Structure formats: C-alpha cells, structure tokens
C-alpha cells in the first residue's frame, strides 16, 4: 500500500513538473495576489480555456518567453522568425487539425513563416493593472517584462483583435 501511494505521488509530481519549466529567479505565484507578472492567455476559437497565472520575479525584469514557460505555456515560434512570432501556444493551433475562421478556408498552421492575418497569436502587455492593453513592441524572445505588468496572449481571428480578457 505504501509503495502504491509513493508511486502515485511520484507520477503526480512528474506530471505537475511537466506543466511548467524551472527558470532561475522565476516561480509561480498566487494569481489573486500577484506581485510579479500576471499572465493571461485567451485561446479564442481554439479552446474554451482562458487562463490567468502569476510568475514572481526575484529580479527587476525577465524575458517574456521565460515567464510564459514558468506559467506553463509551451511557445513555438516560426522557422523564419523564431520566437519573435508566436506560432503555437501549448500545441495550438494544431498542425494536423485545421481551424476555421468564418469567411476563410480551413487552415492548418505549419509554423514555417508568418501566420495568416485571419488567425494568429497576438502578444499584449499592460504596464500596470489600471493601464490599457497595448500590443507588445517585441517578440516574446526579447520582450522584457517587470513586476506589476500583465503579459497576454490571445488567438486573434482577424478584424479587431480582442485583448486577452475579452470574451
């Protein structure tokens, strides 16, 4: 019986460890009382999931890609632009399952080049909780974020791009 409990605990720890990556100086915090960087991800038509996480920083700033990784998001860039263009978040959009945007042909994302204007990941930043959302001026591979800021990703399907907290 003790061996079974140990095995279940080991599997649980291994599974939870796969959800986020360890980055020195960064750790998960409480999203309801975040003193670090709040991360908001809105998957739009790709998934009903919308998530908010908190990543605490030991230093004055961190790179967005590292913050996203610690928050549990696997970011894939493109072959042409690397992680300066977000192509997939946690394997969405899938390369094998096309997504459909009204008025467009079904699209399967290969991540070879720039995603289409009718279906792409937008990177947003809020300088503080009371500020308006603004498009990030850099890709996640170089974008610095600081405590008190909010980093957002939203899968945009063309037209007016919603912010990460929009329905």
C-alpha atoms as a PDB file:
ATOM      1  CA  UNK A   1       0.000   0.000   0.000  1.00  0.00           C
ATOM      2  CA  UNK A   2       2.807   2.421   0.859  1.00  0.00           C
ATOM      3  CA  UNK A   3       4.530   1.636  -2.435  1.00  0.00           C
ATOM      4  CA  UNK A   4       1.327   2.450  -4.366  1.00  0.00           C
ATOM      5  CA  UNK A   5       0.986   5.812  -2.582  1.00  0.00           C
ATOM      6  CA  UNK A   6       4.630   6.586  -3.336  1.00  0.00           C
ATOM      7  CA  UNK A   7       4.122   5.662  -6.983  1.00  0.00           C
ATOM      8  CA  UNK A   8       1.012   7.886  -7.274  1.00  0.00           C
ATOM      9  CA  UNK A   9       2.871  10.764  -5.609  1.00  0.00           C
ATOM     10  CA  UNK A  10       5.841  10.318  -7.960  1.00  0.00           C
ATOM     11  CA  UNK A  11       3.579  10.312 -11.026  1.00  0.00           C
ATOM     12  CA  UNK A  12       1.744  13.415  -9.771  1.00  0.00           C
ATOM     13  CA  UNK A  13       4.985  15.298  -9.148  1.00  0.00           C
ATOM     14  CA  UNK A  14       6.319  14.302 -12.579  1.00  0.00           C
ATOM     15  CA  UNK A  15       3.061  15.397 -14.233  1.00  0.00           C
ATOM     16  CA  UNK A  16       2.937  18.747 -12.453  1.00  0.00           C
ATOM     17  CA  UNK A  17       6.593  19.345 -13.255  1.00  0.00           C
ATOM     18  CA  UNK A  18       5.785  18.946 -16.952  1.00  0.00           C
ATOM     19  CA  UNK A  19       3.267  21.794 -16.741  1.00  0.00           C
ATOM     20  CA  UNK A  20       5.869  24.489 -16.180  1.00  0.00           C
ATOM     21  CA  UNK A  21       9.566  24.911 -16.620  1.00  0.00           C
ATOM     22  CA  UNK A  22      12.005  25.967 -13.956  1.00  0.00           C
ATOM     23  CA  UNK A  23      13.856  29.176 -14.735  1.00  0.00           C
ATOM     24  CA  UNK A  24      16.246  30.569 -12.126  1.00  0.00           C
ATOM     25  CA  UNK A  25      14.794  33.660 -10.440  1.00  0.00           C
ATOM     26  CA  UNK A  26      11.207  32.922 -11.541  1.00  0.00           C
ATOM     27  CA  UNK A  27       8.491  30.984  -9.715  1.00  0.00           C
ATOM     28  CA  UNK A  28       4.732  30.533  -9.817  1.00  0.00           C
ATOM     29  CA  UNK A  29       2.777  32.796  -7.501  1.00  0.00           C
ATOM     30  CA  UNK A  30      -0.826  33.362  -6.469  1.00  0.00           C
ATOM     31  CA  UNK A  31      -2.822  34.891  -9.367  1.00  0.00           C
ATOM     32  CA  UNK A  32      -5.171  36.545  -6.854  1.00  0.00           C
ATOM     33  CA  UNK A  33      -2.306  38.346  -5.076  1.00  0.00           C
ATOM     34  CA  UNK A  34       0.373  38.658  -7.754  1.00  0.00           C
ATOM     35  CA  UNK A  35       3.346  40.908  -7.062  1.00  0.00           C
ATOM     36  CA  UNK A  36       5.170  39.644 -10.151  1.00  0.00           C
ATOM     37  CA  UNK A  37       3.960  39.391 -13.752  1.00  0.00           C
ATOM     38  CA  UNK A  38       0.370  38.327 -14.368  1.00  0.00           C
ATOM     39  CA  UNK A  39      -0.025  36.115 -17.453  1.00  0.00           C
ATOM     40  CA  UNK A  40      -3.394  35.929 -19.241  1.00  0.00           C
ATOM     41  CA  UNK A  41      -3.941  33.549 -22.166  1.00  0.00           C
ATOM     42  CA  UNK A  42      -7.125  33.568 -24.250  1.00  0.00           C
ATOM     43  CA  UNK A  43      -7.207  30.691 -26.756  1.00  0.00           C
ATOM     44  CA  UNK A  44     -10.163  32.181 -28.640  1.00  0.00           C
ATOM     45  CA  UNK A  45     -11.769  29.749 -31.074  1.00  0.00           C
ATOM     46  CA  UNK A  46      -9.024  27.154 -30.461  1.00  0.00           C
ATOM     47  CA  UNK A  47     -10.247  26.242 -26.977  1.00  0.00           C
ATOM     48  CA  UNK A  48     -12.749  27.394 -24.398  1.00  0.00           C
ATOM     49  CA  UNK A  49      -9.918  27.610 -21.897  1.00  0.00           C
ATOM     50  CA  UNK A  50      -8.811  31.014 -20.676  1.00  0.00           C
ATOM     51  CA  UNK A  51      -6.191  31.084 -18.007  1.00  0.00           C
ATOM     52  CA  UNK A  52      -4.523  33.514 -15.618  1.00  0.00           C
ATOM     53  CA  UNK A  53      -1.243  32.713 -13.877  1.00  0.00           C
ATOM     54  CA  UNK A  54       1.255  34.671 -11.795  1.00  0.00           C
ATOM     55  CA  UNK A  55       5.017  34.474 -12.148  1.00  0.00           C
ATOM     56  CA  UNK A  56       7.060  36.020  -9.342  1.00  0.00           C
ATOM     57  CA  UNK A  57      10.427  37.551 -10.249  1.00  0.00           C
ATOM     58  CA  UNK A  58      13.471  37.731  -7.997  1.00  0.00           C
ATOM     59  CA  UNK A  59      14.955  40.461 -10.214  1.00  0.00           C
ATOM     60  CA  UNK A  60      13.615  43.689 -11.706  1.00  0.00           C
ATOM     61  CA  UNK A  61      12.708  42.103 -15.032  1.00  0.00           C
ATOM     62  CA  UNK A  62      12.588  38.892 -17.042  1.00  0.00           C
ATOM     63  CA  UNK A  63      12.130  37.872 -20.664  1.00  0.00           C
ATOM     64  CA  UNK A  64       8.510  37.160 -21.652  1.00  0.00           C
ATOM     65  CA  UNK A  65       9.332  33.711 -23.070  1.00  0.00           C
ATOM     66  CA  UNK A  66      10.766  32.607 -19.701  1.00  0.00           C
ATOM     67  CA  UNK A  67       7.768  33.990 -17.823  1.00  0.00           C
ATOM     68  CA  UNK A  68       5.393  32.161 -20.176  1.00  0.00           C
ATOM     69  CA  UNK A  69       7.360  28.946 -19.741  1.00  0.00           C
ATOM     70  CA  UNK A  70       7.226  29.096 -15.945  1.00  0.00           C
ATOM     71  CA  UNK A  71       3.488  29.852 -16.188  1.00  0.00           C
ATOM     72  CA  UNK A  72       3.080  26.539 -18.037  1.00  0.00           C
ATOM     73  CA  UNK A  73       2.889  27.673 -21.657  1.00  0.00           C
ATOM     74  CA  UNK A  74       4.921  25.967 -24.346  1.00  0.00           C
ATOM     75  CA  UNK A  75       5.602  28.594 -27.011  1.00  0.00           C
ATOM     76  CA  UNK A  76       6.604  27.660 -30.552  1.00  0.00           C
ATOM     77  CA  UNK A  77       7.880  30.281 -32.966  1.00  0.00           C
ATOM     78  CA  UNK A  78       8.209  30.102 -36.720  1.00  0.00           C
ATOM     79  CA  UNK A  79      11.039  28.744 -38.859  1.00  0.00           C
ATOM     80  CA  UNK A  80      11.561  32.176 -40.421  1.00  0.00           C
ATOM     81  CA  UNK A  81      11.210  34.436 -37.368  1.00  0.00           C
ATOM     82  CA  UNK A  82      11.963  32.165 -34.414  1.00  0.00           C
ATOM     83  CA  UNK A  83      10.280  33.154 -31.159  1.00  0.00           C
ATOM     84  CA  UNK A  84       9.784  36.732 -32.309  1.00  0.00           C
ATOM     85  CA  UNK A  85       6.492  35.490 -33.803  1.00  0.00           C
ATOM     86  CA  UNK A  86       4.327  33.196 -31.686  1.00  0.00           C
ATOM     87  CA  UNK A  87       3.004  30.392 -33.868  1.00  0.00           C
ATOM     88  CA  UNK A  88       1.659  27.940 -31.273  1.00  0.00           C
ATOM     89  CA  UNK A  89       0.813  28.002 -27.587  1.00  0.00           C
ATOM     90  CA  UNK A  90       0.572  24.569 -25.943  1.00  0.00           C
ATOM     91  CA  UNK A  91       0.374  22.985 -29.414  1.00  0.00           C
ATOM     92  CA  UNK A  92      -2.491  25.241 -30.563  1.00  0.00           C
ATOM     93  CA  UNK A  93      -3.294  25.748 -33.364  1.00  0.00           C
ATOM     94  CA  UNK A  94      -2.594  22.143 -34.253  1.00  0.00           C
ATOM     95  CA  UNK A  95      -0.663  21.378 -37.414  1.00  0.00           C
ATOM     96  CA  UNK A  96      -2.827  18.314 -38.037  1.00  0.00           C
ATOM     97  CA  UNK A  97      -6.277  19.791 -37.265  1.00  0.00           C
ATOM     98  CA  UNK A  98      -7.283  22.803 -39.376  1.00  0.00           C
ATOM     99  CA  UNK A  99      -9.035  25.705 -37.694  1.00  0.00           C
ATOM    100  CA  UNK A 100     -11.878  27.532 -39.382  1.00  0.00           C
ATOM    101  CA  UNK A 101     -12.497  31.266 -39.375  1.00  0.00           C
ATOM    102  CA  UNK A 102     -15.751  32.461 -40.900  1.00  0.00           C
ATOM    103  CA  UNK A 103     -15.168  33.567 -44.490  1.00  0.00           C
ATOM    104  CA  UNK A 104     -11.829  31.723 -44.795  1.00  0.00           C
ATOM    105  CA  UNK A 105     -10.777  28.282 -45.986  1.00  0.00           C
ATOM    106  CA  UNK A 106      -9.806  25.835 -43.200  1.00  0.00           C
ATOM    107  CA  UNK A 107      -6.167  26.461 -42.247  1.00  0.00           C
ATOM    108  CA  UNK A 108      -3.513  24.110 -40.871  1.00  0.00           C
ATOM    109  CA  UNK A 109      -0.638  26.052 -39.335  1.00  0.00           C
ATOM    110  CA  UNK A 110       2.849  24.807 -40.285  1.00  0.00           C
ATOM    111  CA  UNK A 111       4.849  27.470 -38.397  1.00  0.00           C
ATOM    112  CA  UNK A 112       7.099  27.877 -41.431  1.00  0.00           C
ATOM    113  CA  UNK A 113       6.544  31.609 -41.830  1.00  0.00           C
ATOM    114  CA  UNK A 114       4.207  34.383 -40.686  1.00  0.00           C
ATOM    115  CA  UNK A 115       0.764  33.065 -39.661  1.00  0.00           C
ATOM    116  CA  UNK A 116      -2.184  34.362 -41.710  1.00  0.00           C
ATOM    117  CA  UNK A 117      -3.839  37.672 -40.780  1.00  0.00           C
ATOM    118  CA  UNK A 118      -7.098  35.805 -40.129  1.00  0.00           C
ATOM    119  CA  UNK A 119      -5.610  33.536 -37.425  1.00  0.00           C
ATOM    120  CA  UNK A 120      -2.564  34.415 -35.319  1.00  0.00           C
ATOM    121  CA  UNK A 121      -1.344  34.822 -31.748  1.00  0.00           C
ATOM    122  CA  UNK A 122      -1.238  38.457 -30.618  1.00  0.00           C
ATOM    123  CA  UNK A 123       1.101  39.430 -27.777  1.00  0.00           C
ATOM    124  CA  UNK A 124      -0.208  42.121 -25.428  1.00  0.00           C
ATOM    125  CA  UNK A 125       1.222  43.992 -22.429  1.00  0.00           C
ATOM    126  CA  UNK A 126      -0.310  46.135 -19.687  1.00  0.00           C
ATOM    127  CA  UNK A 127       2.173  48.362 -17.874  1.00  0.00           C
ATOM    128  CA  UNK A 128       0.141  48.174 -14.644  1.00  0.00           C
ATOM    129  CA  UNK A 129      -3.268  46.852 -13.553  1.00  0.00           C
ATOM    130  CA  UNK A 130      -5.027  50.153 -14.335  1.00  0.00           C
ATOM    131  CA  UNK A 131      -3.445  50.642 -17.765  1.00  0.00           C
ATOM    132  CA  UNK A 132      -4.914  49.786 -21.145  1.00  0.00           C
ATOM    133  CA  UNK A 133      -3.677  46.774 -23.089  1.00  0.00           C
ATOM    134  CA  UNK A 134      -1.095  47.571 -25.797  1.00  0.00           C
ATOM    135  CA  UNK A 135       0.463  45.398 -28.481  1.00  0.00           C
ATOM    136  CA  UNK A 136       3.926  44.233 -27.478  1.00  0.00           C
ATOM    137  CA  UNK A 137       6.640  46.062 -29.392  1.00  0.00           C
ATOM    138  CA  UNK A 138       8.909  42.998 -29.425  1.00  0.00           C
ATOM    139  CA  UNK A 139       8.546  39.262 -29.715  1.00  0.00           C
ATOM    140  CA  UNK A 140       8.429  37.052 -26.623  1.00  0.00           C
ATOM    141  CA  UNK A 141      12.080  36.028 -27.109  1.00  0.00           C
ATOM    142  CA  UNK A 142      13.338  39.546 -26.314  1.00  0.00           C
ATOM    143  CA  UNK A 143      10.395  41.321 -24.648  1.00  0.00           C
ATOM    144  CA  UNK A 144      11.301  42.394 -21.098  1.00  0.00           C
ATOM    145  CA  UNK A 145       8.517  42.303 -18.504  1.00  0.00           C
ATOM    146  CA  UNK A 146       8.564  43.701 -14.973  1.00  0.00           C
ATOM    147  CA  UNK A 147       6.690  43.105 -11.722  1.00  0.00           C
ATOM    148  CA  UNK A 148       3.276  44.752 -11.851  1.00  0.00           C
ATOM    149  CA  UNK A 149       2.889  44.219 -15.583  1.00  0.00           C
ATOM    150  CA  UNK A 150       0.472  41.862 -17.293  1.00  0.00           C
ATOM    151  CA  UNK A 151       1.546  39.775 -20.280  1.00  0.00           C
ATOM    152  CA  UNK A 152      -1.215  38.494 -22.512  1.00  0.00           C
ATOM    153  CA  UNK A 153      -1.619  36.172 -25.460  1.00  0.00           C
ATOM    154  CA  UNK A 154      -4.816  35.949 -27.478  1.00  0.00           C
ATOM    155  CA  UNK A 155      -5.559  33.927 -30.569  1.00  0.00           C
ATOM    156  CA  UNK A 156      -6.901  36.546 -32.947  1.00  0.00           C
ATOM    157  CA  UNK A 157      -9.167  35.660 -35.812  1.00  0.00           C
ATOM    158  CA  UNK A 158      -8.810  38.841 -37.858  1.00  0.00           C
ATOM    159  CA  UNK A 159     -10.677  42.107 -37.776  1.00  0.00           C
ATOM    160  CA  UNK A 160     -10.394  43.852 -34.441  1.00  0.00           C
ATOM    161  CA  UNK A 161      -8.030  41.823 -32.315  1.00  0.00           C
ATOM    162  CA  UNK A 162      -9.549  41.219 -28.887  1.00  0.00           C
ATOM    163  CA  UNK A 163      -7.490  41.725 -25.751  1.00  0.00           C
ATOM    164  CA  UNK A 164      -6.683  38.659 -23.639  1.00  0.00           C
ATOM    165  CA  UNK A 165      -9.530  39.431 -21.224  1.00  0.00           C
ATOM    166  CA  UNK A 166     -12.213  39.963 -23.898  1.00  0.00           C
ATOM    167  CA  UNK A 167     -14.891  37.316 -24.304  1.00  0.00           C
END
